[in-house]
């Protein structure tokens, strides 16, 4: 499938892609998007019958849990895990 410039510009607008509005840039965009569509067409031709789908964490949904307040970790226990500390604070390298 080959995309025309008008379709490519509409796709770019929907995808919020910014490009120069000159005809050469629009033609280049149409050519690149057409290449992407052709690559997807090739992938769609692959025979995937019998191939098990990849794992997706979306298939495993955690059930609801009660929203109850609880005690957080003790500050001293958290500070004990810090590589370095200054008093009651984590010590981090200065970056500015």
C-alpha atoms as a PDB file:
ATOM      1  CA  UNK A   1       0.000   0.000   0.000  1.00  0.00           C
ATOM      2  CA  UNK A   2       1.403   3.369  -0.976  1.00  0.00           C
ATOM      3  CA  UNK A   3       0.277   6.438   0.916  1.00  0.00           C
ATOM      4  CA  UNK A   4      -0.289   9.739  -0.840  1.00  0.00           C
ATOM      5  CA  UNK A   5       1.014  12.991   0.615  1.00  0.00           C
ATOM      6  CA  UNK A   6      -2.368  14.102   1.925  1.00  0.00           C
ATOM      7  CA  UNK A   7      -2.867  10.843   3.844  1.00  0.00           C
ATOM      8  CA  UNK A   8       0.691  10.987   5.177  1.00  0.00           C
ATOM      9  CA  UNK A   9       0.156  14.559   6.386  1.00  0.00           C
ATOM     10  CA  UNK A  10      -3.070  13.521   8.124  1.00  0.00           C
ATOM     11  CA  UNK A  11      -1.302  10.605   9.839  1.00  0.00           C
ATOM     12  CA  UNK A  12       1.467  12.971  10.924  1.00  0.00           C
ATOM     13  CA  UNK A  13      -1.126  15.366  12.314  1.00  0.00           C
ATOM     14  CA  UNK A  14      -2.874  12.595  14.262  1.00  0.00           C
ATOM     15  CA  UNK A  15       0.462  11.313  15.575  1.00  0.00           C
ATOM     16  CA  UNK A  16       1.522  14.874  16.391  1.00  0.00           C
ATOM     17  CA  UNK A  17       4.607  14.574  14.218  1.00  0.00           C
ATOM     18  CA  UNK A  18       6.140  17.848  13.163  1.00  0.00           C
ATOM     19  CA  UNK A  19       7.891  18.210   9.830  1.00  0.00           C
ATOM     20  CA  UNK A  20       8.611  20.926   7.304  1.00  0.00           C
ATOM     21  CA  UNK A  21       5.523  21.654   5.249  1.00  0.00           C
ATOM     22  CA  UNK A  22       7.459  21.939   1.989  1.00  0.00           C
ATOM     23  CA  UNK A  23       6.501  19.443  -0.752  1.00  0.00           C
ATOM     24  CA  UNK A  24       9.843  17.612  -0.562  1.00  0.00           C
ATOM     25  CA  UNK A  25       9.427  16.931   3.167  1.00  0.00           C
ATOM     26  CA  UNK A  26       5.816  15.814   2.648  1.00  0.00           C
ATOM     27  CA  UNK A  27       6.906  13.458  -0.139  1.00  0.00           C
ATOM     28  CA  UNK A  28       9.690  12.041   2.046  1.00  0.00           C
ATOM     29  CA  UNK A  29       7.218  11.523   4.908  1.00  0.00           C
ATOM     30  CA  UNK A  30       4.776   9.743   2.583  1.00  0.00           C
ATOM     31  CA  UNK A  31       7.574   7.488   1.313  1.00  0.00           C
ATOM     32  CA  UNK A  32       8.754   6.616   4.837  1.00  0.00           C
ATOM     33  CA  UNK A  33       5.243   5.909   6.120  1.00  0.00           C
ATOM     34  CA  UNK A  34       4.549   3.769   3.038  1.00  0.00           C
ATOM     35  CA  UNK A  35       7.668   1.760   3.857  1.00  0.00           C
ATOM     36  CA  UNK A  36       6.406   1.178   7.381  1.00  0.00           C
ATOM     37  CA  UNK A  37       3.007   0.048   6.085  1.00  0.00           C
ATOM     38  CA  UNK A  38       4.696  -2.324   3.605  1.00  0.00           C
ATOM     39  CA  UNK A  39       6.804  -3.807   6.414  1.00  0.00           C
ATOM     40  CA  UNK A  40       3.663  -4.420   8.477  1.00  0.00           C
ATOM     41  CA  UNK A  41       2.021  -6.083   5.469  1.00  0.00           C
ATOM     42  CA  UNK A  42       4.989  -8.454   5.212  1.00  0.00           C
ATOM     43  CA  UNK A  43       4.717  -9.282   8.921  1.00  0.00           C
ATOM     44  CA  UNK A  44       0.994  -9.947   8.522  1.00  0.00           C
ATOM     45  CA  UNK A  45       1.796 -12.619   5.917  1.00  0.00           C
ATOM     46  CA  UNK A  46       3.775 -14.701   8.443  1.00  0.00           C
ATOM     47  CA  UNK A  47       2.179 -18.010   9.338  1.00  0.00           C
ATOM     48  CA  UNK A  48       1.794 -17.938  13.106  1.00  0.00           C
ATOM     49  CA  UNK A  49      -0.637 -20.849  13.424  1.00  0.00           C
ATOM     50  CA  UNK A  50       0.308 -22.896  16.459  1.00  0.00           C
ATOM     51  CA  UNK A  51       2.713 -20.294  17.816  1.00  0.00           C
ATOM     52  CA  UNK A  52       2.052 -19.597  21.463  1.00  0.00           C
ATOM     53  CA  UNK A  53       1.679 -15.893  22.228  1.00  0.00           C
ATOM     54  CA  UNK A  54       4.306 -14.180  24.333  1.00  0.00           C
ATOM     55  CA  UNK A  55       3.708 -13.612  28.009  1.00  0.00           C
ATOM     56  CA  UNK A  56       1.811 -10.461  28.853  1.00  0.00           C
ATOM     57  CA  UNK A  57       1.450  -9.143  32.382  1.00  0.00           C
ATOM     58  CA  UNK A  58      -1.909  -7.707  31.341  1.00  0.00           C
ATOM     59  CA  UNK A  59      -3.355 -11.217  31.354  1.00  0.00           C
ATOM     60  CA  UNK A  60      -2.756 -11.478  35.094  1.00  0.00           C
ATOM     61  CA  UNK A  61      -4.929  -8.991  36.894  1.00  0.00           C
ATOM     62  CA  UNK A  62      -4.450  -8.511  40.604  1.00  0.00           C
ATOM     63  CA  UNK A  63      -7.630  -8.624  42.564  1.00  0.00           C
ATOM     64  CA  UNK A  64      -8.798  -5.663  44.602  1.00  0.00           C
ATOM     65  CA  UNK A  65      -7.343  -5.212  48.042  1.00  0.00           C
ATOM     66  CA  UNK A  66      -8.693  -3.252  50.957  1.00  0.00           C
ATOM     67  CA  UNK A  67      -7.486   0.321  51.156  1.00  0.00           C
ATOM     68  CA  UNK A  68      -6.425   0.431  54.765  1.00  0.00           C
ATOM     69  CA  UNK A  69      -3.841   2.730  56.301  1.00  0.00           C
ATOM     70  CA  UNK A  70      -0.827   1.027  57.778  1.00  0.00           C
ATOM     71  CA  UNK A  71       2.492   1.871  59.303  1.00  0.00           C
ATOM     72  CA  UNK A  72       5.283   2.599  56.889  1.00  0.00           C
ATOM     73  CA  UNK A  73       8.842   1.517  57.385  1.00  0.00           C
ATOM     74  CA  UNK A  74      10.712   3.062  60.263  1.00  0.00           C
ATOM     75  CA  UNK A  75      13.008   5.898  59.103  1.00  0.00           C
ATOM     76  CA  UNK A  76      16.004   4.378  60.856  1.00  0.00           C
ATOM     77  CA  UNK A  77      15.455   1.034  59.083  1.00  0.00           C
ATOM     78  CA  UNK A  78      15.382   2.836  55.715  1.00  0.00           C
ATOM     79  CA  UNK A  79      18.503   4.870  56.516  1.00  0.00           C
ATOM     80  CA  UNK A  80      20.352   1.690  57.460  1.00  0.00           C
ATOM     81  CA  UNK A  81      20.001   0.602  53.805  1.00  0.00           C
ATOM     82  CA  UNK A  82      21.570   3.805  52.435  1.00  0.00           C
ATOM     83  CA  UNK A  83      25.089   3.525  50.996  1.00  0.00           C
ATOM     84  CA  UNK A  84      25.940   6.778  52.781  1.00  0.00           C
ATOM     85  CA  UNK A  85      24.068   9.031  55.130  1.00  0.00           C
ATOM     86  CA  UNK A  86      24.464  12.413  56.740  1.00  0.00           C
ATOM     87  CA  UNK A  87      22.612  12.562  60.022  1.00  0.00           C
ATOM     88  CA  UNK A  88      19.033  11.557  59.283  1.00  0.00           C
ATOM     89  CA  UNK A  89      19.310  12.011  55.474  1.00  0.00           C
ATOM     90  CA  UNK A  90      20.551   9.957  52.519  1.00  0.00           C
ATOM     91  CA  UNK A  91      23.852  11.285  51.175  1.00  0.00           C
ATOM     92  CA  UNK A  92      23.840  11.719  47.399  1.00  0.00           C
ATOM     93  CA  UNK A  93      26.512  13.111  45.075  1.00  0.00           C
ATOM     94  CA  UNK A  94      26.228  16.753  44.115  1.00  0.00           C
ATOM     95  CA  UNK A  95      25.225  17.003  40.450  1.00  0.00           C
ATOM     96  CA  UNK A  96      25.106  20.749  39.907  1.00  0.00           C
END
